[in-house]
Each structure stands twice: as C-alpha cells, then as structure tokens.
Amino acid sequence: MAEAWSFQLPTNAPINWTNAATLISVAILVGTELIGAGAAAGWAIGGLFQIGDLATHALETIFILLALTGLFYFLRAAIRHEPIRG
C-alpha cells in the first residue's frame, strides 16, 4: 500500500556557519527594530488618546506580539533563501 504522505529525513550536511551567523545577525537586528517599533506604537497611541496605563500596556503587548509574529515569518523566508545546512 502506497504512503499518502512523504516525509524527507533531515540531511547530515555540515552547518554553513556563514549563513548561520548572517541569520542570527538579521534576527537580532530585525527583531530589535520590530519589537521597539511595536512598543513605541502602543505607547504613542495610548498617550495620544489618554486611555490609561492598563490599556496602554495592553496595546504595547498586542503590538509586540504582532512584531514577533512578523519576525517569525521573516526568518522562515530568510532560512529558505539562506539554508543553515548545506
């Protein structure tokens, strides 16, 4: 009986340290920018509309979570273009 799913086993290729260092550096740079922008946007919107500390912190949290989601998808695309193994 044929398998409905086909899975590829991971390769034992050596780690390409140049690509790994590039991806780590990009993750730090882009992550810092996105999280800082998310926190600043929540703080600015909270202050502009004077919605109180609790709501301002909630906005900051929401924007930071959106920034982390964006960072996750960005790094997934970056790893596709700069594979760590191989």
PDB file of N, CA and C in Angstrom:
ATOM      1  N   MET A   1       0.844  -1.165   0.000  1.00  0.00           N
ATOM      2  CA  MET A   1       0.000   0.000   0.000  1.00  0.00           C
ATOM      3  C   MET A   1       0.900   1.243   0.000  1.00  0.00           C
ATOM      4  N   ALA A   2       0.581   2.178  -0.860  1.00  0.00           N
ATOM      5  CA  ALA A   2       1.400   3.381  -1.005  1.00  0.00           C
ATOM      6  C   ALA A   2       1.128   4.350   0.146  1.00  0.00           C
ATOM      7  N   GLU A   3       2.167   5.022   0.572  1.00  0.00           N
ATOM      8  CA  GLU A   3       2.043   6.013   1.634  1.00  0.00           C
ATOM      9  C   GLU A   3       1.372   7.264   1.077  1.00  0.00           C
ATOM     10  N   ALA A   4       0.445   7.814   1.814  1.00  0.00           N
ATOM     11  CA  ALA A   4      -0.228   9.041   1.388  1.00  0.00           C
ATOM     12  C   ALA A   4       0.659  10.264   1.616  1.00  0.00           C
ATOM     13  N   TRP A   5       1.513  10.181   2.601  1.00  0.00           N
ATOM     14  CA  TRP A   5       2.394  11.300   2.925  1.00  0.00           C
ATOM     15  C   TRP A   5       3.834  10.882   2.667  1.00  0.00           C
ATOM     16  N   SER A   6       4.613  11.809   2.180  1.00  0.00           N
ATOM     17  CA  SER A   6       6.039  11.508   2.037  1.00  0.00           C
ATOM     18  C   SER A   6       6.817  12.537   2.847  1.00  0.00           C
ATOM     19  N   PHE A   7       7.650  12.031   3.714  1.00  0.00           N
ATOM     20  CA  PHE A   7       8.465  12.888   4.565  1.00  0.00           C
ATOM     21  C   PHE A   7       9.922  12.738   4.156  1.00  0.00           C
ATOM     22  N   GLN A   8      10.640  13.858   4.190  1.00  0.00           N
ATOM     23  CA  GLN A   8      12.068  13.810   3.922  1.00  0.00           C
ATOM     24  C   GLN A   8      12.804  13.756   5.252  1.00  0.00           C
ATOM     25  N   LEU A   9      13.746  12.877   5.330  1.00  0.00           N
ATOM     26  CA  LEU A   9      14.575  12.811   6.523  1.00  0.00           C
ATOM     27  C   LEU A   9      15.586  13.946   6.496  1.00  0.00           C
ATOM     28  N   PRO A  10      15.949  14.472   7.660  1.00  0.00           N
ATOM     29  CA  PRO A  10      16.934  15.546   7.678  1.00  0.00           C
ATOM     30  C   PRO A  10      18.290  15.057   7.169  1.00  0.00           C
ATOM     31  N   THR A  11      18.961  15.953   6.480  1.00  0.00           N
ATOM     32  CA  THR A  11      20.280  15.594   5.962  1.00  0.00           C
ATOM     33  C   THR A  11      21.330  15.803   7.045  1.00  0.00           C
ATOM     34  N   ASN A  12      22.413  15.102   6.905  1.00  0.00           N
ATOM     35  CA  ASN A  12      23.531  15.249   7.840  1.00  0.00           C
ATOM     36  C   ASN A  12      24.591  16.187   7.270  1.00  0.00           C
ATOM     37  N   ALA A  13      24.155  17.147   6.494  1.00  0.00           N
ATOM     38  CA  ALA A  13      25.090  18.102   5.904  1.00  0.00           C
ATOM     39  C   ALA A  13      25.681  18.971   7.011  1.00  0.00           C
ATOM     40  N   PRO A  14      26.913  19.417   6.825  1.00  0.00           N
ATOM     41  CA  PRO A  14      27.524  20.270   7.850  1.00  0.00           C
ATOM     42  C   PRO A  14      26.843  21.645   7.895  1.00  0.00           C
ATOM     43  N   ILE A  15      26.982  22.289   9.034  1.00  0.00           N
ATOM     44  CA  ILE A  15      26.393  23.617   9.202  1.00  0.00           C
ATOM     45  C   ILE A  15      27.238  24.640   8.445  1.00  0.00           C
ATOM     46  N   ASN A  16      26.568  25.471   7.671  1.00  0.00           N
ATOM     47  CA  ASN A  16      27.230  26.569   6.978  1.00  0.00           C
ATOM     48  C   ASN A  16      27.256  27.750   7.955  1.00  0.00           C
ATOM     49  N   TRP A  17      28.390  27.957   8.611  1.00  0.00           N
ATOM     50  CA  TRP A  17      28.466  28.944   9.678  1.00  0.00           C
ATOM     51  C   TRP A  17      28.339  30.373   9.171  1.00  0.00           C
ATOM     52  N   THR A  18      28.667  30.617   7.920  1.00  0.00           N
ATOM     53  CA  THR A  18      28.487  31.957   7.359  1.00  0.00           C
ATOM     54  C   THR A  18      27.003  32.293   7.288  1.00  0.00           C
ATOM     55  N   ASN A  19      26.199  31.361   6.775  1.00  0.00           N
ATOM     56  CA  ASN A  19      24.760  31.593   6.702  1.00  0.00           C
ATOM     57  C   ASN A  19      24.138  31.653   8.102  1.00  0.00           C
ATOM     58  N   ALA A  20      24.608  30.804   9.004  1.00  0.00           N
ATOM     59  CA  ALA A  20      24.067  30.810  10.364  1.00  0.00           C
ATOM     60  C   ALA A  20      24.350  32.146  11.057  1.00  0.00           C
ATOM     61  N   ALA A  21      25.555  32.664  10.913  1.00  0.00           N
ATOM     62  CA  ALA A  21      25.901  33.956  11.524  1.00  0.00           C
ATOM     63  C   ALA A  21      25.083  35.084  10.906  1.00  0.00           C
ATOM     64  N   THR A  22      24.869  35.017   9.591  1.00  0.00           N
ATOM     65  CA  THR A  22      24.057  36.031   8.913  1.00  0.00           C
ATOM     66  C   THR A  22      22.628  36.008   9.440  1.00  0.00           C
ATOM     67  N   LEU A  23      22.056  34.815   9.572  1.00  0.00           N
ATOM     68  CA  LEU A  23      20.673  34.710  10.038  1.00  0.00           C
ATOM     69  C   LEU A  23      20.535  35.150  11.496  1.00  0.00           C
ATOM     70  N   ILE A  24      21.499  34.835  12.326  1.00  0.00           N
ATOM     71  CA  ILE A  24      21.456  35.280  13.721  1.00  0.00           C
ATOM     72  C   ILE A  24      21.538  36.800  13.795  1.00  0.00           C
ATOM     73  N   SER A  25      22.422  37.374  12.997  1.00  0.00           N
ATOM     74  CA  SER A  25      22.573  38.832  12.983  1.00  0.00           C
ATOM     75  C   SER A  25      21.306  39.518  12.493  1.00  0.00           C
ATOM     76  N   VAL A  26      20.706  38.968  11.445  1.00  0.00           N
ATOM     77  CA  VAL A  26      19.471  39.539  10.907  1.00  0.00           C
ATOM     78  C   VAL A  26      18.345  39.405  11.927  1.00  0.00           C
ATOM     79  N   ALA A  27      18.272  38.279  12.625  1.00  0.00           N
ATOM     80  CA  ALA A  27      17.226  38.086  13.628  1.00  0.00           C
ATOM     81  C   ALA A  27      17.350  39.119  14.746  1.00  0.00           C
ATOM     82  N   ILE A  28      18.584  39.383  15.178  1.00  0.00           N
ATOM     83  CA  ILE A  28      18.789  40.371  16.238  1.00  0.00           C
ATOM     84  C   ILE A  28      18.423  41.766  15.751  1.00  0.00           C
ATOM     85  N   LEU A  29      18.885  42.135  14.563  1.00  0.00           N
ATOM     86  CA  LEU A  29      18.633  43.474  14.037  1.00  0.00           C
ATOM     87  C   LEU A  29      17.153  43.702  13.765  1.00  0.00           C
ATOM     88  N   VAL A  30      16.534  42.820  13.007  1.00  0.00           N
ATOM     89  CA  VAL A  30      15.128  42.995  12.640  1.00  0.00           C
ATOM     90  C   VAL A  30      14.231  42.834  13.865  1.00  0.00           C
ATOM     91  N   GLY A  31      14.561  41.887  14.743  1.00  0.00           N
ATOM     92  CA  GLY A  31      13.767  41.698  15.945  1.00  0.00           C
ATOM     93  C   GLY A  31      13.778  42.913  16.842  1.00  0.00           C
ATOM     94  N   THR A  32      14.943  43.518  17.013  1.00  0.00           N
ATOM     95  CA  THR A  32      15.047  44.721  17.833  1.00  0.00           C
ATOM     96  C   THR A  32      14.230  45.856  17.243  1.00  0.00           C
ATOM     97  N   GLU A  33      14.320  46.022  15.938  1.00  0.00           N
ATOM     98  CA  GLU A  33      13.565  47.091  15.272  1.00  0.00           C
ATOM     99  C   GLU A  33      12.064  46.865  15.397  1.00  0.00           C
ATOM    100  N   LEU A  34      11.608  45.643  15.137  1.00  0.00           N
ATOM    101  CA  LEU A  34      10.173  45.370  15.170  1.00  0.00           C
ATOM    102  C   LEU A  34       9.603  45.477  16.582  1.00  0.00           C
ATOM    103  N   ILE A  35      10.302  44.914  17.561  1.00  0.00           N
ATOM    104  CA  ILE A  35       9.798  44.973  18.936  1.00  0.00           C
ATOM    105  C   ILE A  35       9.820  46.407  19.452  1.00  0.00           C
ATOM    106  N   GLY A  36      10.872  47.145  19.143  1.00  0.00           N
ATOM    107  CA  GLY A  36      10.938  48.552  19.546  1.00  0.00           C
ATOM    108  C   GLY A  36       9.840  49.381  18.904  1.00  0.00           C
ATOM    109  N   ALA A  37       9.570  49.135  17.633  1.00  0.00           N
ATOM    110  CA  ALA A  37       8.504  49.869  16.944  1.00  0.00           C
ATOM    111  C   ALA A  37       7.139  49.497  17.512  1.00  0.00           C
ATOM    112  N   GLY A  38       6.940  48.222  17.839  1.00  0.00           N
ATOM    113  CA  GLY A  38       5.660  47.804  18.420  1.00  0.00           C
ATOM    114  C   GLY A  38       5.421  48.434  19.782  1.00  0.00           C
ATOM    115  N   ALA A  39       6.449  48.434  20.627  1.00  0.00           N
ATOM    116  CA  ALA A  39       6.316  49.041  21.953  1.00  0.00           C
ATOM    117  C   ALA A  39       6.093  50.549  21.837  1.00  0.00           C
ATOM    118  N   ALA A  40       6.820  51.187  20.933  1.00  0.00           N
ATOM    119  CA  ALA A  40       6.672  52.631  20.756  1.00  0.00           C
ATOM    120  C   ALA A  40       5.296  52.992  20.203  1.00  0.00           C
ATOM    121  N   ALA A  41       4.781  52.171  19.299  1.00  0.00           N
ATOM    122  CA  ALA A  41       3.452  52.444  18.728  1.00  0.00           C
ATOM    123  C   ALA A  41       2.374  52.320  19.804  1.00  0.00           C
ATOM    124  N   GLY A  42       2.455  51.291  20.632  1.00  0.00           N
ATOM    125  CA  GLY A  42       1.487  51.144  21.712  1.00  0.00           C
ATOM    126  C   GLY A  42       1.558  52.288  22.703  1.00  0.00           C
ATOM    127  N   TRP A  43       2.772  52.699  23.047  1.00  0.00           N
ATOM    128  CA  TRP A  43       2.965  53.808  23.973  1.00  0.00           C
ATOM    129  C   TRP A  43       2.416  55.108  23.376  1.00  0.00           C
ATOM    130  N   ALA A  44       2.701  55.349  22.083  1.00  0.00           N
ATOM    131  CA  ALA A  44       2.266  56.584  21.438  1.00  0.00           C
ATOM    132  C   ALA A  44       0.740  56.642  21.308  1.00  0.00           C
ATOM    133  N   ILE A  45       0.129  55.538  20.920  1.00  0.00           N
ATOM    134  CA  ILE A  45      -1.329  55.526  20.775  1.00  0.00           C
ATOM    135  C   ILE A  45      -2.000  55.686  22.137  1.00  0.00           C
ATOM    136  N   GLY A  46      -1.464  55.009  23.148  1.00  0.00           N
ATOM    137  CA  GLY A  46      -2.004  55.147  24.496  1.00  0.00           C
ATOM    138  C   GLY A  46      -1.898  56.570  25.020  1.00  0.00           C
ATOM    139  N   GLY A  47      -0.775  57.208  24.766  1.00  0.00           N
ATOM    140  CA  GLY A  47      -0.592  58.583  25.210  1.00  0.00           C
ATOM    141  C   GLY A  47      -1.431  59.570  24.424  1.00  0.00           C
ATOM    142  N   LEU A  48      -1.563  59.328  23.135  1.00  0.00           N
ATOM    143  CA  LEU A  48      -2.323  60.244  22.272  1.00  0.00           C
ATOM    144  C   LEU A  48      -3.794  60.264  22.665  1.00  0.00           C
ATOM    145  N   PHE A  49      -4.336  59.094  22.911  1.00  0.00           N
ATOM    146  CA  PHE A  49      -5.761  59.014  23.242  1.00  0.00           C
ATOM    147  C   PHE A  49      -6.016  58.989  24.744  1.00  0.00           C
ATOM    148  N   GLN A  50      -4.970  59.051  25.567  1.00  0.00           N
ATOM    149  CA  GLN A  50      -5.061  59.085  27.027  1.00  0.00           C
ATOM    150  C   GLN A  50      -6.003  57.999  27.546  1.00  0.00           C
ATOM    151  N   ILE A  51      -5.645  56.748  27.225  1.00  0.00           N
ATOM    152  CA  ILE A  51      -6.534  55.637  27.564  1.00  0.00           C
ATOM    153  C   ILE A  51      -6.144  54.941  28.863  1.00  0.00           C
ATOM    154  N   GLY A  52      -5.150  55.428  29.549  1.00  0.00           N
ATOM    155  CA  GLY A  52      -4.771  54.843  30.839  1.00  0.00           C
ATOM    156  C   GLY A  52      -3.625  53.847  30.702  1.00  0.00           C
ATOM    157  N   ASP A  53      -3.016  53.554  31.848  1.00  0.00           N
ATOM    158  CA  ASP A  53      -1.831  52.696  31.856  1.00  0.00           C
ATOM    159  C   ASP A  53      -2.137  51.261  31.450  1.00  0.00           C
ATOM    160  N   LEU A  54      -3.210  50.698  31.970  1.00  0.00           N
ATOM    161  CA  LEU A  54      -3.527  49.304  31.680  1.00  0.00           C
ATOM    162  C   LEU A  54      -3.798  49.089  30.194  1.00  0.00           C
ATOM    163  N   ALA A  55      -4.580  49.954  29.602  1.00  0.00           N
ATOM    164  CA  ALA A  55      -4.887  49.825  28.172  1.00  0.00           C
ATOM    165  C   ALA A  55      -3.645  50.091  27.315  1.00  0.00           C
ATOM    166  N   THR A  56      -2.816  51.022  27.762  1.00  0.00           N
ATOM    167  CA  THR A  56      -1.580  51.302  27.027  1.00  0.00           C
ATOM    168  C   THR A  56      -0.665  50.079  27.043  1.00  0.00           C
ATOM    169  N   HIS A  57      -0.520  49.440  28.190  1.00  0.00           N
ATOM    170  CA  HIS A  57       0.305  48.232  28.273  1.00  0.00           C
ATOM    171  C   HIS A  57      -0.295  47.100  27.453  1.00  0.00           C
ATOM    172  N   ALA A  58      -1.612  47.023  27.409  1.00  0.00           N
ATOM    173  CA  ALA A  58      -2.265  46.006  26.577  1.00  0.00           C
ATOM    174  C   ALA A  58      -1.975  46.252  25.103  1.00  0.00           C
ATOM    175  N   LEU A  59      -2.038  47.512  24.667  1.00  0.00           N
ATOM    176  CA  LEU A  59      -1.708  47.845  23.273  1.00  0.00           C
ATOM    177  C   LEU A  59      -0.255  47.508  22.964  1.00  0.00           C
ATOM    178  N   GLU A  60       0.639  47.851  23.875  1.00  0.00           N
ATOM    179  CA  GLU A  60       2.055  47.526  23.673  1.00  0.00           C
ATOM    180  C   GLU A  60       2.249  46.020  23.534  1.00  0.00           C
ATOM    181  N   THR A  61       1.565  45.257  24.382  1.00  0.00           N
ATOM    182  CA  THR A  61       1.672  43.795  24.319  1.00  0.00           C
ATOM    183  C   THR A  61       1.160  43.267  22.987  1.00  0.00           C
ATOM    184  N   ILE A  62       0.031  43.778  22.537  1.00  0.00           N
ATOM    185  CA  ILE A  62      -0.533  43.335  21.252  1.00  0.00           C
ATOM    186  C   ILE A  62       0.425  43.641  20.112  1.00  0.00           C
ATOM    187  N   PHE A  63       0.967  44.858  20.097  1.00  0.00           N
ATOM    188  CA  PHE A  63       1.875  45.235  19.012  1.00  0.00           C
ATOM    189  C   PHE A  63       3.183  44.444  19.071  1.00  0.00           C
ATOM    190  N   ILE A  64       3.668  44.142  20.260  1.00  0.00           N
ATOM    191  CA  ILE A  64       4.893  43.346  20.381  1.00  0.00           C
ATOM    192  C   ILE A  64       4.637  41.920  19.899  1.00  0.00           C
ATOM    193  N   LEU A  65       3.479  41.356  20.222  1.00  0.00           N
ATOM    194  CA  LEU A  65       3.142  40.015  19.724  1.00  0.00           C
ATOM    195  C   LEU A  65       3.019  40.002  18.204  1.00  0.00           C
ATOM    196  N   LEU A  66       2.452  41.054  17.637  1.00  0.00           N
ATOM    197  CA  LEU A  66       2.405  41.163  16.173  1.00  0.00           C
ATOM    198  C   LEU A  66       3.810  41.269  15.587  1.00  0.00           C
ATOM    199  N   ALA A  67       4.688  41.995  16.274  1.00  0.00           N
ATOM    200  CA  ALA A  67       6.073  42.120  15.812  1.00  0.00           C
ATOM    201  C   ALA A  67       6.785  40.774  15.858  1.00  0.00           C
ATOM    202  N   LEU A  68       6.568  39.995  16.909  1.00  0.00           N
ATOM    203  CA  LEU A  68       7.188  38.671  17.000  1.00  0.00           C
ATOM    204  C   LEU A  68       6.653  37.728  15.933  1.00  0.00           C
ATOM    205  N   THR A  69       5.362  37.852  15.618  1.00  0.00           N
ATOM    206  CA  THR A  69       4.795  37.049  14.532  1.00  0.00           C
ATOM    207  C   THR A  69       5.433  37.432  13.201  1.00  0.00           C
ATOM    208  N   GLY A  70       5.580  38.719  12.965  1.00  0.00           N
ATOM    209  CA  GLY A  70       6.239  39.177  11.741  1.00  0.00           C
ATOM    210  C   GLY A  70       7.678  38.706  11.667  1.00  0.00           C
ATOM    211  N   LEU A  71       8.378  38.724  12.800  1.00  0.00           N
ATOM    212  CA  LEU A  71       9.757  38.245  12.835  1.00  0.00           C
ATOM    213  C   LEU A  71       9.831  36.760  12.522  1.00  0.00           C
ATOM    214  N   PHE A  72       8.887  35.979  13.039  1.00  0.00           N
ATOM    215  CA  PHE A  72       8.849  34.545  12.764  1.00  0.00           C
ATOM    216  C   PHE A  72       8.720  34.278  11.264  1.00  0.00           C
ATOM    217  N   TYR A  73       7.771  34.945  10.609  1.00  0.00           N
ATOM    218  CA  TYR A  73       7.573  34.724   9.180  1.00  0.00           C
ATOM    219  C   TYR A  73       8.744  35.260   8.351  1.00  0.00           C
ATOM    220  N   PHE A  74       9.342  36.360   8.809  1.00  0.00           N
ATOM    221  CA  PHE A  74      10.509  36.891   8.123  1.00  0.00           C
ATOM    222  C   PHE A  74      11.671  35.897   8.173  1.00  0.00           C
ATOM    223  N   LEU A  75      11.900  35.322   9.353  1.00  0.00           N
ATOM    224  CA  LEU A  75      13.010  34.370   9.497  1.00  0.00           C
ATOM    225  C   LEU A  75      12.740  33.077   8.742  1.00  0.00           C
ATOM    226  N   ARG A  76      11.482  32.661   8.665  1.00  0.00           N
ATOM    227  CA  ARG A  76      11.165  31.472   7.861  1.00  0.00           C
ATOM    228  C   ARG A  76      11.545  31.692   6.398  1.00  0.00           C
ATOM    229  N   ALA A  77      11.217  32.872   5.877  1.00  0.00           N
ATOM    230  CA  ALA A  77      11.580  33.184   4.493  1.00  0.00           C
ATOM    231  C   ALA A  77      13.095  33.312   4.341  1.00  0.00           C
ATOM    232  N   ALA A  78      13.759  33.904   5.322  1.00  0.00           N
ATOM    233  CA  ALA A  78      15.213  34.067   5.247  1.00  0.00           C
ATOM    234  C   ALA A  78      15.926  32.723   5.261  1.00  0.00           C
ATOM    235  N   ILE A  79      15.436  31.781   6.064  1.00  0.00           N
ATOM    236  CA  ILE A  79      16.063  30.451   6.122  1.00  0.00           C
ATOM    237  C   ILE A  79      15.864  29.702   4.811  1.00  0.00           C
ATOM    238  N   ARG A  80      14.751  29.951   4.130  1.00  0.00           N
ATOM    239  CA  ARG A  80      14.554  29.334   2.818  1.00  0.00           C
ATOM    240  C   ARG A  80      15.592  29.815   1.806  1.00  0.00           C
ATOM    241  N   HIS A  81      15.981  31.073   1.909  1.00  0.00           N
ATOM    242  CA  HIS A  81      16.949  31.638   0.957  1.00  0.00           C
ATOM    243  C   HIS A  81      18.393  31.437   1.381  1.00  0.00           C
ATOM    244  N   GLU A  82      18.618  31.329   2.676  1.00  0.00           N
ATOM    245  CA  GLU A  82      19.971  31.111   3.217  1.00  0.00           C
ATOM    246  C   GLU A  82      19.937  29.880   4.105  1.00  0.00           C
ATOM    247  N   PRO A  83      19.958  28.687   3.532  1.00  0.00           N
ATOM    248  CA  PRO A  83      19.859  27.489   4.375  1.00  0.00           C
ATOM    249  C   PRO A  83      21.057  27.348   5.312  1.00  0.00           C
ATOM    250  N   ILE A  84      20.776  26.884   6.516  1.00  0.00           N
ATOM    251  CA  ILE A  84      21.842  26.727   7.503  1.00  0.00           C
ATOM    252  C   ILE A  84      22.663  25.478   7.206  1.00  0.00           C
ATOM    253  N   ARG A  85      22.007  24.443   6.769  1.00  0.00           N
ATOM    254  CA  ARG A  85      22.721  23.192   6.437  1.00  0.00           C
ATOM    255  C   ARG A  85      22.905  23.099   4.930  1.00  0.00           C
ATOM    256  N   GLY A  86      24.105  22.724   4.545  1.00  0.00           N
ATOM    257  CA  GLY A  86      24.349  22.502   3.125  1.00  0.00           C
ATOM    258  C   GLY A  86      25.209  23.539   2.483  1.00  0.00           C
TER     259      GLY A  86
END
